[in-house]
């Protein structure tokens, strides 16, 4: 029926969005796995660079015949560090693209909802079925997921040139971990005593659902739980 078209439009937007989110999540996870050994390599190179800086080559009899050895070693270590930083920069660019892709798709769904919010009843938005969560739950999940990527703190710019004898990595090898995203951040599972519709949903739903109670139930945001179609 004609009165069902706005709700169907929102549901169709959700149906198209979740597979994209799932695909991007897989790319995000694989890229994070690629970042970890690169960060470990940076840390190892930084420790080697620091050790070479501290070593007095002239005090080692076997090395006195090679007066330029320290400088040659330094250049080799810096070149290796640049190579790793370039690879890490490529991975960080992928993470930024994933974040932006998810954000754009979620924004599109919310825009479609806003366009039809005045013609969709609150009961329809909050009603779940045996085969699908409610529109309210799905909108909330998408906003939760988008916030997760936005808060992951992926560096916005190219990896800074800190791999030098007097830079962050030269003096503090553990600084290498700071170049990557926040690996410890898991997919959030917020729990609230306030109505989730009041906190997260846009427009008319947020205004009219103040009286609802969620009873503090934990919200599922795992990607696997979102593949319901």
Protein backbone atom coordinates (compact mmCIF):
# COMPACT_ATOMS: atom_id res chain seq x y z
CA UNK A 1 0.00 0.00 0.00
CA UNK A 2 1.02 3.63 -0.55
CA UNK A 3 1.32 4.30 3.18
CA UNK A 4 3.90 1.52 3.43
CA UNK A 5 6.21 2.97 0.77
CA UNK A 6 8.21 5.26 3.11
CA UNK A 7 8.93 2.39 5.50
CA UNK A 8 9.85 0.10 2.60
CA UNK A 9 12.25 2.75 1.28
CA UNK A 10 14.06 2.90 4.61
CA UNK A 11 14.17 -0.89 4.90
CA UNK A 12 15.57 -1.16 1.37
CA UNK A 13 18.30 1.35 2.24
CA UNK A 14 19.17 -0.69 5.32
CA UNK A 15 19.18 -3.90 3.29
CA UNK A 16 21.73 -2.42 0.89
CA UNK A 17 23.88 -0.85 3.60
CA UNK A 18 24.62 -3.82 5.85
CA UNK A 19 26.40 -5.97 3.22
CA UNK A 20 28.66 -2.99 2.46
CA UNK A 21 29.42 -2.58 6.17
CA UNK A 22 30.21 -6.28 6.46
CA UNK A 23 32.55 -6.14 3.45
CA UNK A 24 34.32 -3.07 4.80
CA UNK A 25 34.69 -4.70 8.22
CA UNK A 26 36.52 -7.61 6.59
CA UNK A 27 38.84 -5.22 4.79
CA UNK A 28 39.41 -3.28 8.03
CA UNK A 29 40.36 -6.40 9.97
CA UNK A 30 42.71 -7.73 7.29
CA UNK A 31 44.41 -4.35 7.02
CA UNK A 32 44.88 -4.15 10.78
CA UNK A 33 46.54 -7.55 10.67
CA UNK A 34 48.88 -6.22 7.98
CA UNK A 35 49.74 -3.19 10.13
CA UNK A 36 50.84 -5.12 13.19
CA UNK A 37 54.01 -6.75 11.76
CA UNK A 38 54.95 -3.45 10.13
CA UNK A 39 54.76 -1.68 13.48
CA UNK A 40 56.81 -4.47 15.03
CA UNK A 41 59.43 -4.02 12.30
CA UNK A 42 59.56 -0.30 12.99
CA UNK A 43 60.14 -0.97 16.66
CA UNK A 44 62.94 -3.42 15.90
CA UNK A 45 64.62 -1.02 13.49
CA UNK A 46 64.36 1.78 16.03
CA UNK A 47 66.05 -0.36 18.67
CA UNK A 48 68.82 -1.22 16.21
CA UNK A 49 69.26 2.44 15.34
CA UNK A 50 69.40 3.41 18.98
CA UNK A 51 71.98 0.71 19.73
CA UNK A 52 74.15 1.80 16.79
CA UNK A 53 74.03 5.41 17.96
CA UNK A 54 75.26 4.46 21.40
CA UNK A 55 78.06 2.21 20.18
CA UNK A 56 81.50 3.86 19.99
CA UNK A 57 82.83 2.21 16.85
CA UNK A 58 86.32 3.65 17.40
CA UNK A 59 86.55 1.73 20.68
CA UNK A 60 86.08 -1.61 18.91
CA UNK A 61 89.44 -2.72 17.46
CA UNK A 62 87.86 -4.82 14.72
CA UNK A 63 85.86 -1.81 13.47
CA UNK A 64 88.61 0.81 13.39
CA UNK A 65 89.54 -0.16 9.84
CA UNK A 66 86.06 0.96 8.71
CA UNK A 67 85.74 4.63 9.73
CA UNK A 68 82.61 5.15 7.64
CA UNK A 69 80.84 2.02 8.92
CA UNK A 70 78.67 3.86 11.46
CA UNK A 71 77.33 6.28 8.85
CA UNK A 72 76.76 3.52 6.30
CA UNK A 73 74.88 1.47 8.89
CA UNK A 74 72.78 4.49 9.86
CA UNK A 75 71.80 5.14 6.25
CA UNK A 76 70.88 1.49 5.74
CA UNK A 77 68.69 1.50 8.84
CA UNK A 78 66.98 4.74 7.83
CA UNK A 79 66.32 3.40 4.33
CA UNK A 80 64.79 0.26 5.81
CA UNK A 81 62.65 2.42 8.08
CA UNK A 82 61.45 4.51 5.14
CA UNK A 83 60.41 1.36 3.30
CA UNK A 84 58.38 0.14 6.26
CA UNK A 85 56.81 3.57 6.74
CA UNK A 86 55.73 3.64 3.10
CA UNK A 87 54.04 0.26 3.49
CA UNK A 88 52.39 1.37 6.72
CA UNK A 89 51.17 4.53 5.03
CA UNK A 90 49.48 2.44 2.35
CA UNK A 91 47.65 0.42 5.01
CA UNK A 92 46.57 3.52 6.88
CA UNK A 93 45.16 4.94 3.65
CA UNK A 94 43.05 1.78 3.30
CA UNK A 95 41.75 2.19 6.85
CA UNK A 96 40.80 5.80 6.18
CA UNK A 97 38.96 4.73 3.03
CA UNK A 98 37.05 2.06 4.97
CA UNK A 99 36.07 4.62 7.59
CA UNK A 100 34.89 7.09 4.97
CA UNK A 101 33.02 4.42 2.99
CA UNK A 102 31.11 3.25 6.06
CA UNK A 103 30.35 6.83 7.08
CA UNK A 104 29.01 7.74 3.65
CA UNK A 105 26.71 4.70 3.47
CA UNK A 106 25.41 5.23 7.00
CA UNK A 107 24.81 8.91 6.27
CA UNK A 108 22.86 7.97 3.16
CA UNK A 109 20.59 5.65 5.15
CA UNK A 110 19.96 8.33 7.77
CA UNK A 111 19.16 10.86 5.06
CA UNK A 112 16.57 8.50 3.59
CA UNK A 113 15.07 7.98 7.03
CA UNK A 114 14.92 11.73 7.65
CA UNK A 115 13.15 12.22 4.32
CA UNK A 116 10.38 9.83 5.35
CA UNK A 117 10.37 10.31 9.14
CA UNK A 118 7.17 12.36 9.17
CA UNK A 119 5.22 9.70 7.28
CA UNK A 120 6.38 6.62 9.20
CA UNK A 121 4.61 5.81 12.44
CA UNK A 122 6.58 5.26 15.61
CA UNK A 123 5.05 1.81 15.99
CA UNK A 124 6.33 0.85 12.54
CA UNK A 125 9.84 2.07 13.35
CA UNK A 126 9.95 0.13 16.62
CA UNK A 127 8.31 -3.07 15.40
CA UNK A 128 10.52 -6.12 14.89
CA UNK A 129 9.53 -9.30 13.08
CA UNK A 130 10.57 -12.93 13.22
CA UNK A 131 13.04 -12.37 10.37
CA UNK A 132 14.19 -8.80 10.90
CA UNK A 133 15.07 -6.42 13.76
CA UNK A 134 13.20 -3.15 14.04
CA UNK A 135 14.18 -0.17 11.94
CA UNK A 136 15.06 1.65 15.16
CA UNK A 137 17.50 -1.09 16.17
CA UNK A 138 19.11 -1.20 12.75
CA UNK A 139 19.56 2.57 12.59
CA UNK A 140 21.08 2.48 16.03
CA UNK A 141 23.48 -0.30 15.05
CA UNK A 142 24.63 1.61 11.99
CA UNK A 143 25.32 4.74 14.01
CA UNK A 144 27.14 2.65 16.61
CA UNK A 145 29.30 1.03 13.94
CA UNK A 146 30.04 4.34 12.21
CA UNK A 147 31.08 5.84 15.55
CA UNK A 148 33.38 2.87 16.15
CA UNK A 149 35.32 3.59 12.96
CA UNK A 150 35.35 7.33 13.54
CA UNK A 151 36.79 6.87 17.05
CA UNK A 152 39.50 4.42 15.98
CA UNK A 153 41.94 7.33 15.63
CA UNK A 154 43.54 6.43 12.33
CA UNK A 155 46.12 9.13 11.47
CA UNK A 156 44.61 11.56 8.97
CA UNK A 157 47.88 12.44 7.24
CA UNK A 158 50.80 10.50 5.80
CA UNK A 159 52.95 8.72 8.39
CA UNK A 160 55.24 11.44 9.81
CA UNK A 161 59.00 11.26 9.10
CA UNK A 162 59.94 10.45 12.68
CA UNK A 163 62.33 7.65 11.81
CA UNK A 164 65.59 9.58 12.16
CA UNK A 165 68.44 9.55 14.69
CA UNK A 166 67.01 12.39 16.76
CA UNK A 167 63.31 11.76 16.12
CA UNK A 168 60.70 9.90 18.10
CA UNK A 169 61.71 6.45 16.94
CA UNK A 170 65.42 7.08 17.34
CA UNK A 171 65.03 7.99 21.01
CA UNK A 172 61.92 6.01 21.92
CA UNK A 173 61.54 2.75 19.94
CA UNK A 174 58.15 2.05 21.53
CA UNK A 175 56.85 5.18 19.79
CA UNK A 176 56.36 3.04 16.68
CA UNK A 177 53.08 1.71 18.08
CA UNK A 178 51.75 5.26 18.19
CA UNK A 179 51.85 5.51 14.42
CA UNK A 180 49.10 2.97 13.94
CA UNK A 181 45.40 2.94 14.76
CA UNK A 182 44.00 1.91 18.10
CA UNK A 183 44.22 -1.88 17.86
CA UNK A 184 42.70 -2.45 21.28
CA UNK A 185 39.36 -0.94 20.43
CA UNK A 186 36.74 -3.61 19.87
CA UNK A 187 33.33 -3.29 18.37
CA UNK A 188 31.38 -1.37 21.02
CA UNK A 189 28.53 -2.86 23.03
CA UNK A 190 26.95 0.15 24.73
CA UNK A 191 24.59 -0.38 27.61
CA UNK A 192 22.32 2.43 28.79
CA UNK A 193 19.40 3.06 31.07
CA UNK A 194 18.14 5.81 28.77
CA UNK A 195 15.97 5.07 25.76
CA UNK A 196 18.35 4.36 22.90
CA UNK A 197 15.94 5.98 20.48
CA UNK A 198 16.27 9.24 22.40
CA UNK A 199 20.06 9.18 22.20
CA UNK A 200 20.76 7.96 18.70
CA UNK A 201 17.86 8.18 16.31
CA UNK A 202 17.30 11.33 14.28
CA UNK A 203 14.26 13.53 13.86
CA UNK A 204 10.76 12.55 14.84
CA UNK A 205 11.64 9.23 16.48
CA UNK A 206 14.01 10.87 18.93
CA UNK A 207 11.39 13.42 19.90
CA UNK A 208 8.50 11.02 20.38
CA UNK A 209 10.24 8.12 22.10
CA UNK A 210 11.27 9.88 25.30
CA UNK A 211 8.80 7.82 27.31
CA UNK A 212 10.18 4.47 26.13
CA UNK A 213 12.39 2.36 28.35
CA UNK A 214 15.12 -0.05 27.24
CA UNK A 215 15.46 -1.64 30.69
CA UNK A 216 19.25 -1.41 30.41
CA UNK A 217 19.44 -4.20 27.85
CA UNK A 218 22.81 -4.57 26.14
CA UNK A 219 22.86 -3.65 22.48
CA UNK A 220 24.31 -6.04 19.92
CA UNK A 221 26.58 -4.44 17.35
CA UNK A 222 28.58 -7.41 16.07
CA UNK A 223 28.77 -7.48 12.30
CA UNK A 224 27.72 -11.13 12.26
CA UNK A 225 24.47 -10.23 14.01
CA UNK A 226 23.56 -7.77 11.29
CA UNK A 227 23.35 -10.26 8.39
CA UNK A 228 19.66 -10.89 8.76
CA UNK A 229 18.43 -10.60 5.17
